[in-house]
Protein backbone atom coordinates (compact mmCIF):
# COMPACT_ATOMS: atom_id res chain seq x y z
CA MET A 1 130.58 -78.08 104.99
CA THR A 2 129.90 -79.69 101.61
CA SER A 3 131.50 -77.98 98.62
CA GLU A 4 130.67 -78.28 94.95
CA SER A 5 133.67 -80.54 94.41
CA THR A 6 132.58 -83.24 96.91
CA THR A 7 129.78 -85.75 96.71
CA PRO A 8 127.21 -85.10 99.48
CA HIS A 9 125.60 -87.98 101.38
CA GLU A 10 123.01 -85.88 103.17
CA ALA A 11 121.22 -82.57 102.94
CA TYR A 12 119.30 -80.52 105.48
CA VAL A 13 115.88 -79.27 104.52
CA TRP A 14 115.11 -75.70 105.56
CA VAL A 15 111.62 -74.28 105.40
CA TRP A 16 109.93 -70.89 105.58
CA LEU A 17 106.94 -71.42 107.85
CA PRO A 18 103.72 -69.50 107.00
CA GLY A 19 104.21 -65.76 107.52
CA GLU A 20 107.91 -66.06 108.47
CA THR A 21 110.70 -64.20 106.71
CA ASP A 22 113.54 -66.45 107.87
CA PRO A 23 113.84 -70.21 107.37
CA VAL A 24 114.26 -72.88 110.03
CA VAL A 25 115.75 -76.34 109.66
CA ALA A 26 112.97 -78.93 109.30
CA GLY A 27 114.85 -82.19 108.86
CA LEU A 28 117.50 -84.26 107.14
CA ILE A 29 117.61 -86.15 103.84
CA THR A 30 119.94 -89.15 103.81
CA GLN A 31 120.98 -91.55 101.03
CA ASP A 32 119.93 -95.19 101.38
CA ALA A 33 121.07 -97.09 98.27
CA ASP A 34 119.09 -95.51 95.42
CA ARG A 35 116.47 -93.90 97.70
CA LEU A 36 116.46 -90.70 99.75
CA MET A 37 115.02 -90.95 103.25
CA PHE A 38 113.72 -88.08 105.39
CA ASN A 39 113.70 -87.41 109.10
CA TYR A 40 112.15 -84.41 110.88
CA GLY A 41 114.50 -82.75 113.33
CA ARG A 42 113.66 -82.88 117.03
CA SER A 43 113.86 -79.10 117.38
CA TYR A 44 111.42 -78.71 114.49
CA LEU A 45 108.91 -81.17 115.95
CA GLU A 46 109.03 -79.22 119.23
CA ARG A 47 108.07 -75.95 117.57
CA ASP A 48 104.57 -74.64 118.30
CA ASN A 49 104.14 -73.53 114.66
CA ALA A 50 105.63 -76.59 113.00
CA ILE A 51 103.66 -77.99 110.05
CA SER A 52 104.19 -81.06 107.90
CA LEU A 53 106.01 -80.41 104.65
CA TYR A 54 103.14 -82.24 103.00
CA GLU A 55 100.61 -84.87 104.04
CA PRO A 56 100.08 -87.75 103.62
CA GLU A 57 103.59 -88.04 102.22
CA LEU A 58 105.62 -86.57 105.10
CA PRO A 59 103.40 -86.54 108.20
CA LEU A 60 104.69 -84.61 111.20
CA VAL A 61 106.02 -87.59 113.18
CA GLN A 62 109.30 -88.82 114.65
CA GLY A 63 111.40 -91.38 112.88
CA LEU A 64 112.64 -92.21 109.42
CA LEU A 65 110.13 -91.56 106.63
CA GLU A 66 110.58 -93.66 103.50
CA PRO A 67 109.44 -92.53 100.04
CA LEU A 68 106.04 -93.78 98.99
CA PRO A 69 105.99 -97.00 96.92
CA GLY A 70 107.47 -96.49 93.48
CA LEU A 71 109.28 -93.26 94.43
CA GLU A 72 112.98 -92.70 95.05
CA MET A 73 112.40 -89.60 97.18
CA ALA A 74 109.46 -87.76 98.67
CA SER A 75 107.77 -86.04 95.76
CA CYS A 76 107.13 -82.84 97.74
CA LEU A 77 110.91 -82.56 98.17
CA ARG A 78 111.42 -83.35 94.47
CA ASP A 79 109.12 -80.42 93.65
CA ALA A 80 111.76 -78.13 95.14
CA SER A 81 114.67 -79.57 93.17
CA PRO A 82 115.92 -78.37 89.78
CA ASP A 83 114.59 -79.87 86.58
CA ALA A 84 116.22 -80.15 83.15
CA TRP A 85 117.43 -76.56 82.76
CA GLY A 86 118.71 -76.16 86.31
CA ARG A 87 120.57 -79.44 86.03
CA ARG A 88 122.22 -78.36 82.80
CA VAL A 89 123.50 -75.22 84.54
CA ILE A 90 124.78 -77.23 87.54
CA LEU A 91 126.59 -79.73 85.29
CA ASN A 92 128.15 -76.82 83.44
CA LYS A 93 129.40 -75.43 86.74
CA LEU A 94 130.72 -78.75 88.05
CA PHE A 95 132.43 -79.90 84.85
CA GLY A 96 133.13 -76.60 83.11
CA LYS A 97 136.29 -76.30 85.17
CA GLY A 98 137.34 -79.92 84.93
CA GLY A 99 135.29 -81.86 87.48
CA ARG A 100 136.75 -85.02 88.98
CA ASP A 101 136.42 -88.18 86.89
CA ASP A 102 135.06 -90.11 89.88
CA GLN A 103 132.56 -87.48 90.90
CA LYS A 104 129.10 -88.99 91.29
CA ILE A 105 126.22 -86.78 90.22
CA GLY A 106 123.20 -87.85 92.19
CA GLU A 107 120.06 -86.10 93.41
CA LEU A 108 121.75 -84.78 96.55
CA GLN A 109 124.45 -83.18 94.42
CA PHE A 110 121.80 -81.33 92.42
CA LEU A 111 119.97 -80.25 95.60
CA ILE A 112 123.06 -78.88 97.33
CA ASN A 113 124.32 -77.03 94.24
CA SER A 114 121.04 -75.42 93.12
CA GLY A 115 120.05 -71.85 93.90
CA SER A 116 118.16 -70.97 97.06
CA ASP A 117 115.41 -68.79 95.57
CA ARG A 118 113.60 -71.90 94.40
CA ILE A 119 109.87 -72.33 93.84
CA GLY A 120 107.93 -72.81 97.07
CA ALA A 121 109.28 -72.51 100.63
CA LEU A 122 112.03 -75.14 100.86
CA ASP A 123 115.79 -74.99 100.45
CA TYR A 124 118.58 -77.53 100.84
CA GLN A 125 121.70 -76.85 102.89
CA ALA A 126 124.83 -78.64 104.05
CA SER A 127 124.45 -77.38 107.62
CA PRO A 128 121.68 -77.80 110.24
CA THR A 129 122.67 -74.62 112.08
CA GLU A 130 123.93 -72.11 109.50
CA TYR A 131 121.72 -71.04 106.60
CA VAL A 132 123.82 -69.78 103.65
CA PRO A 133 121.68 -68.75 100.66
CA ARG A 134 123.11 -69.63 97.24
CA GLN A 135 121.97 -66.58 95.33
CA MET A 136 123.23 -63.20 94.17
CA GLN A 137 120.81 -60.29 93.95
CA SER A 138 123.08 -58.26 91.66
CA ALA A 139 122.84 -60.40 88.50
CA SER A 140 121.39 -58.42 85.59
CA LEU A 141 119.23 -59.73 82.78
CA GLU A 142 122.16 -59.28 80.41
CA GLU A 143 124.40 -61.45 82.63
CA LEU A 144 121.72 -64.09 82.95
CA LEU A 145 121.24 -64.15 79.18
CA THR A 146 124.97 -64.62 78.68
CA VAL A 147 125.01 -67.53 81.15
CA ALA A 148 122.02 -69.13 79.38
CA GLU A 149 123.70 -68.80 75.98
CA ARG A 150 126.96 -70.36 77.22
CA VAL A 151 125.12 -73.26 78.90
CA GLU A 152 123.13 -73.94 75.73
CA LYS A 153 126.37 -74.05 73.72
CA GLY A 154 128.06 -76.32 76.27
CA LEU A 155 130.63 -73.64 77.13
CA PRO A 156 131.99 -73.10 80.68
CA ILE A 157 130.61 -70.16 82.62
CA ALA A 158 133.24 -67.45 82.73
CA PRO A 159 134.51 -66.50 86.23
CA GLU A 160 133.09 -62.97 85.95
CA LEU A 161 129.63 -64.54 85.46
CA ASP A 162 129.77 -66.78 88.53
CA GLN A 163 127.54 -64.31 90.40
CA ALA A 164 124.75 -65.07 87.93
CA PHE A 165 125.14 -68.84 88.15
CA ASN A 166 122.76 -69.66 91.02
CA HIS A 167 119.92 -67.69 89.44
CA GLY A 168 119.46 -70.39 86.84
CA THR A 169 119.63 -73.56 88.92
CA SER A 170 116.63 -73.51 91.25
CA LEU A 171 113.72 -73.71 88.82
CA GLY A 172 111.87 -76.44 87.00
CA GLY A 173 111.32 -76.88 83.29
CA ALA A 174 113.56 -77.49 80.30
CA ARG A 175 113.99 -73.95 78.95
CA PRO A 176 116.37 -71.14 80.00
CA LYS A 177 115.00 -69.21 82.97
CA ALA A 178 116.05 -67.56 86.23
CA PRO A 179 114.48 -65.80 89.24
CA ILE A 180 115.06 -62.05 89.41
CA GLU A 181 113.86 -59.08 91.44
CA GLU A 182 112.92 -55.78 89.79
CA LYS A 183 111.63 -52.75 91.68
CA GLY A 184 110.53 -54.76 94.69
CA VAL A 185 108.73 -57.47 92.68
CA LYS A 186 109.99 -61.02 92.21
CA TYR A 187 109.74 -62.60 88.76
CA ILE A 188 110.70 -65.68 86.84
CA ALA A 189 112.56 -64.48 83.74
CA LYS A 190 112.16 -66.78 80.73
CA PHE A 191 114.58 -66.41 77.85
CA SER A 192 114.38 -67.29 74.19
CA SER A 193 116.50 -70.23 73.12
CA SER A 194 118.95 -70.49 70.25
CA THR A 195 117.00 -73.52 69.04
CA ASP A 196 113.63 -71.72 68.82
CA THR A 197 112.08 -71.79 65.37
CA TYR A 198 109.40 -69.27 66.43
CA SER A 199 108.97 -66.83 69.30
CA VAL A 200 108.24 -69.23 72.15
CA VAL A 201 108.40 -66.59 74.88
CA LYS A 202 105.95 -64.34 73.02
CA ALA A 203 103.64 -67.31 72.46
CA GLU A 204 103.57 -67.91 76.21
CA PHE A 205 102.99 -64.22 76.90
CA ILE A 206 100.03 -64.17 74.50
CA ALA A 207 98.51 -67.33 75.98
CA MET A 208 98.91 -66.12 79.55
CA ARG A 209 97.41 -62.71 78.76
CA LEU A 210 94.49 -64.22 76.87
CA ALA A 211 93.87 -66.70 79.71
CA SER A 212 93.67 -63.80 82.14
CA LEU A 213 91.29 -61.92 79.83
CA CYS A 214 89.14 -65.07 79.76
CA GLY A 215 88.74 -64.72 83.53
CA LEU A 216 91.15 -67.44 84.63
CA SER A 217 93.44 -66.99 87.62
CA VAL A 218 96.84 -66.55 85.96
CA ALA A 219 100.24 -65.26 87.06
CA PRO A 220 100.74 -61.69 85.69
CA VAL A 221 103.19 -61.49 82.78
CA SER A 222 105.09 -58.79 80.90
CA MET A 223 107.52 -58.64 77.97
CA VAL A 224 110.86 -56.85 78.05
CA LYS A 225 113.95 -56.81 75.86
CA SER A 226 117.52 -57.39 76.95
CA GLY A 227 120.44 -57.46 74.55
CA ASN A 228 117.94 -57.28 71.65
CA LYS A 229 116.34 -60.52 72.86
CA ASP A 230 112.83 -61.11 74.16
CA VAL A 231 112.44 -61.91 77.86
CA LEU A 232 109.16 -62.97 79.46
CA LEU A 233 108.71 -61.88 83.09
CA VAL A 234 106.24 -63.96 85.12
CA GLU A 235 105.34 -62.47 88.47
CA ARG A 236 105.88 -64.93 91.29
CA PHE A 237 102.89 -65.95 93.38
CA ASP A 238 104.88 -67.97 95.92
CA ARG A 239 106.44 -64.83 97.42
CA ASP A 240 104.85 -62.06 99.50
CA TYR A 241 106.60 -58.89 100.59
CA THR A 242 106.14 -57.71 104.18
CA PRO A 243 107.84 -54.88 106.14
CA GLY A 244 110.05 -57.54 107.70
CA GLY A 245 111.10 -59.06 104.39
CA TRP A 246 109.95 -61.71 101.93
CA THR A 247 107.76 -64.61 103.02
CA ARG A 248 107.46 -67.84 101.02
CA ARG A 249 104.54 -70.18 100.44
CA LEU A 250 104.82 -73.96 100.49
CA MET A 251 103.69 -75.54 97.22
CA VAL A 252 103.22 -79.03 95.89
CA SER A 253 102.63 -80.14 92.31
CA ALA A 254 99.72 -82.24 91.11
CA LEU A 255 102.26 -85.01 90.49
CA THR A 256 102.95 -85.01 94.24
CA MET A 257 99.23 -85.02 95.02
CA PHE A 258 98.83 -88.03 92.70
CA GLU A 259 101.73 -89.79 94.51
CA LEU A 260 103.46 -90.32 91.16
CA ASN A 261 106.88 -89.58 89.70
CA GLU A 262 107.80 -88.55 86.16
CA MET A 263 107.95 -92.17 84.95
CA MET A 264 104.35 -92.66 86.08
CA ALA A 265 103.06 -89.27 84.98
CA ARG A 266 101.14 -90.79 82.06
CA TYR A 267 98.57 -92.01 84.59
CA ALA A 268 97.78 -88.48 85.77
CA SER A 269 94.14 -87.51 85.24
CA TYR A 270 92.16 -84.29 85.42
CA GLN A 271 89.24 -86.26 86.85
CA GLU A 272 91.44 -87.53 89.67
CA LEU A 273 92.67 -83.99 90.30
CA ALA A 274 89.01 -82.89 90.48
CA ASP A 275 88.42 -85.61 93.11
CA LEU A 276 91.34 -84.29 95.16
CA ILE A 277 89.98 -80.76 94.92
CA ARG A 278 86.56 -81.85 96.18
CA HIS A 279 88.02 -83.53 99.26
CA ARG A 280 91.20 -81.61 100.17
CA PHE A 281 91.05 -78.07 98.76
CA THR A 282 89.76 -74.80 100.07
CA THR A 283 86.84 -73.37 98.00
CA PRO A 284 86.37 -76.65 96.09
CA ARG A 285 83.50 -75.53 93.85
CA GLU A 286 85.31 -72.42 92.63
CA SER A 287 88.53 -74.42 92.17
CA LEU A 288 86.73 -77.07 90.10
CA HIS A 289 85.27 -74.41 87.82
CA GLU A 290 88.71 -72.80 87.50
CA LEU A 291 90.36 -76.12 86.61
CA PHE A 292 87.71 -76.88 84.00
CA GLY A 293 88.35 -73.46 82.46
CA ARG A 294 92.10 -74.16 82.34
CA ILE A 295 91.59 -77.47 80.55
CA VAL A 296 89.41 -75.75 77.94
CA PHE A 297 91.88 -72.93 77.46
CA ASN A 298 94.85 -75.31 77.11
CA ILE A 299 92.98 -76.99 74.25
CA LEU A 300 91.97 -73.68 72.64
CA CYS A 301 95.54 -72.27 72.73
CA GLY A 302 97.39 -75.48 71.85
CA ASN A 303 99.17 -75.96 75.17
CA THR A 304 99.72 -79.72 75.24
CA ASP A 305 102.45 -79.44 77.89
CA ASP A 306 99.88 -79.41 80.73
CA HIS A 307 101.61 -82.24 82.64
CA ALA A 308 101.11 -82.78 86.35
CA ARG A 309 104.09 -80.64 87.45
CA ASN A 310 102.51 -77.73 85.61
CA HIS A 311 99.60 -77.75 88.06
CA ALA A 312 100.19 -76.88 91.70
CA ALA A 313 98.61 -75.97 95.00
CA PHE A 314 99.66 -74.04 98.08
CA TRP A 315 99.97 -76.14 101.25
CA ASP A 316 99.31 -74.55 104.65
CA GLY A 317 99.81 -77.67 106.75
CA ARG A 318 96.14 -78.64 106.65
CA GLN A 319 94.59 -77.85 103.27
CA LEU A 320 95.48 -77.21 99.64
CA THR A 321 94.63 -74.10 97.62
CA LEU A 322 94.93 -73.95 93.81
CA THR A 323 97.74 -71.64 92.70
CA PRO A 324 97.36 -69.25 89.77
CA ALA A 325 97.99 -70.89 86.41
CA TYR A 326 101.54 -70.83 84.97
CA ASP A 327 103.49 -72.29 82.04
CA ILE A 328 100.60 -71.91 79.62
CA CYS A 329 102.71 -72.21 76.51
CA PRO A 330 101.36 -73.17 73.05
CA GLN A 331 103.44 -76.03 71.69
CA GLY A 332 104.84 -76.41 68.20
CA ARG A 333 102.25 -78.07 65.96
CA THR A 334 102.09 -78.81 62.26
CA GLY A 335 98.90 -80.84 61.86
CA GLY A 336 95.54 -81.34 63.49
CA GLU A 337 95.29 -84.19 65.97
CA ALA A 338 96.87 -83.55 69.36
CA SER A 339 96.67 -84.89 72.91
CA GLN A 340 96.95 -83.23 76.30
CA ALA A 341 99.59 -84.40 78.74
CA MET A 342 96.97 -85.46 81.26
CA ARG A 343 93.91 -87.64 80.78
CA ILE A 344 90.63 -85.76 80.43
CA ASN A 345 87.85 -88.29 79.99
CA GLY A 346 88.73 -91.73 81.26
CA PRO A 347 91.85 -92.80 79.34
CA SER A 348 91.29 -90.21 76.58
CA GLN A 349 93.73 -87.32 76.30
CA LEU A 350 92.54 -86.00 72.95
CA SER A 351 92.67 -82.21 72.69
CA GLN A 352 89.00 -81.82 71.90
CA ILE A 353 86.32 -79.69 73.49
CA SER A 354 83.91 -82.63 73.43
CA ASN A 355 86.20 -84.40 75.90
CA CYS A 356 85.76 -81.51 78.34
CA LEU A 357 82.00 -81.26 77.90
CA THR A 358 81.56 -84.99 78.52
CA VAL A 359 83.09 -84.68 82.02
CA ALA A 360 81.64 -81.27 82.95
CA GLU A 361 79.55 -82.66 85.78
CA HIS A 362 82.73 -84.00 87.37
CA PHE A 363 83.68 -80.34 87.78
CA GLN A 364 80.26 -79.41 89.26
CA LEU A 365 79.13 -77.73 86.04
CA THR A 366 75.85 -78.29 84.25
CA PRO A 367 76.10 -78.93 80.46
CA SER A 368 74.82 -75.44 79.73
CA GLU A 369 77.31 -73.83 82.15
CA ALA A 370 80.18 -75.77 80.57
CA ILE A 371 79.12 -74.78 77.04
CA ALA A 372 78.87 -71.13 78.13
CA LYS A 373 82.45 -71.22 79.51
CA VAL A 374 83.77 -72.67 76.26
CA MET A 375 81.96 -70.12 74.11
CA HIS A 376 83.09 -67.25 76.35
CA GLN A 377 86.75 -68.23 75.92
CA ILE A 378 86.40 -68.56 72.15
CA LEU A 379 84.84 -65.11 71.97
CA VAL A 380 87.58 -63.54 74.10
CA ILE A 381 90.35 -65.12 72.05
CA GLY A 382 88.76 -63.90 68.83
CA GLN A 383 88.11 -60.39 70.11
CA GLN A 384 91.37 -59.80 71.98
CA TRP A 385 93.82 -61.61 69.69
CA GLN A 386 94.98 -58.63 67.64
CA ALA A 387 95.41 -56.33 70.66
CA VAL A 388 97.41 -58.90 72.64
CA CYS A 389 99.59 -59.74 69.62
CA ASP A 390 100.22 -56.00 69.17
CA GLU A 391 101.14 -55.75 72.85
CA ALA A 392 103.67 -58.57 72.34
CA GLU A 393 104.92 -56.98 69.09
CA LEU A 394 104.43 -60.36 67.45
CA SER A 395 105.59 -60.59 63.87
CA GLU A 396 103.17 -61.24 61.02
CA VAL A 397 104.91 -64.54 60.32
CA ASP A 398 104.37 -65.79 63.87
CA ARG A 399 100.75 -64.54 63.90
CA ASN A 400 100.07 -66.57 60.78
CA LEU A 401 101.89 -69.56 62.28
CA PHE A 402 99.87 -69.51 65.52
CA ARG A 403 96.48 -68.75 63.98
CA GLY A 404 94.47 -71.95 63.52
CA ARG A 405 97.41 -74.17 64.46
CA GLN A 406 98.14 -73.56 68.13
CA PHE A 407 95.17 -71.22 68.70
CA LEU A 408 91.69 -72.50 67.81
CA ASN A 409 92.96 -75.51 65.85
CA PRO A 410 89.96 -77.05 63.98
CA PHE A 411 90.72 -80.46 65.51
CA ALA A 412 89.51 -79.18 68.87
CA PHE A 413 85.96 -78.85 67.43
CA GLU A 414 85.82 -81.70 64.91
CA ASP A 415 83.29 -83.98 66.56
CA LEU A 416 80.84 -81.34 67.85
CA GLU A 417 77.49 -82.23 66.34
CA GLY A 418 73.85 -81.21 66.79
CA GLU A 419 73.35 -78.32 69.17
CA LEU A 420 77.08 -78.37 69.96
CA SER A 421 77.87 -77.46 66.35
CA GLU A 422 77.19 -73.85 67.38
CA ILE A 423 80.51 -73.97 69.24
CA ARG A 424 82.29 -75.05 66.03
CA ARG A 425 80.59 -72.26 64.07
CA LEU A 426 81.68 -69.68 66.67
CA ALA A 427 85.24 -71.04 66.56
CA ASP A 428 85.28 -70.74 62.75
CA LEU A 429 84.25 -67.08 63.02
CA ALA A 430 86.76 -66.40 65.79
CA ARG A 431 89.52 -68.02 63.72
CA GLU A 432 88.77 -65.60 60.90
CA GLY A 433 89.01 -62.84 63.48
CA LEU A 434 92.56 -63.92 64.30
CA SER A 435 93.50 -62.96 60.76
CA GLY A 436 91.73 -59.62 61.16
CA GLU A 437 89.10 -60.50 58.56
CA THR A 438 86.10 -60.31 60.87
CA ASN A 439 85.18 -59.99 64.50
CA PRO A 440 82.91 -62.68 66.04
């Protein structure tokens, strides 16, 4: 069996099929030069309940499946691999105790060494017959915080903290986080960073809570403290508890749906995602309205990190279903002009409400319906701001920092003229409400 000190040349993909509490082996990933190939196992193909891991990328057929053109591995498999933070933790583990000089760190090494409680319903193992989860249920928030702090400082993880290691390696994103379970509920715990110049975790809490109050489908969030530090708990929507145990739901990112990788992510488009929703999603009309609302809210709250891996859908083997929103996090901003990570209107990514209104019909909304959605969100942000900030115990300094910069930045409304100027007037009033001066 592969150990952390050896370089793997293959990895077995295990999957939780819909409604099942135990995984089965689905197939094998093998290295071919700089690409990773995939092959479904014969036993998996013979199962009555077998489903493709994602189509059209990995159809349920015999034989070697190559990555799509321009990709080094199937993107649906990449969705279940660690991103920047998880890789930092893995490198700390491999080299914190003097890793071999000749040790090659490739994608398979990251897959095999990452935790098993990853997003979605896949896991990577060294064996096709024995499933050994790489996770420890006993790690506390305090232990996880200590691990995160040591990784950020480039310090080796102490032996007594090894039990907490795998909690931090299975998730995407660049910031410290880990999966935990509290009182029968599974969460993603997000930690503050030593490099934060403002309360990033509280900013995300406020944005997520306000998005929910605006009527968007959003993962539930809560704030706790551990070791005098703020921790954001995001309830997981890819897990369901049953009397027989936890089930998992297959997920794919919008980047996978676009058949792109990170290097090509700049071509990702909300209009293209809308096209996919119309043709491949359950409840397409409702999903289009929801997506339009999320674009608007990202602009209103200053979340410019809305890249294609921060949008996802459940996959049931036949159709896609939009997941609740996640990672709605206002980004640091000093001036006015800003751009979203994905294109909104043709090639334009400008963070402006006019961009959204111009493409409203693409989301099956009339101009008046789109305007009403925008004005509703502005009203909710203005009316609920103080209460949500109080709930987060946000400092006065951070409230002043967020108000009018991340939240309701004037740039978002600059070019609204004529009858649309009413939106700008409402935003001006709501912005005053963020300071507690008036209530729109």
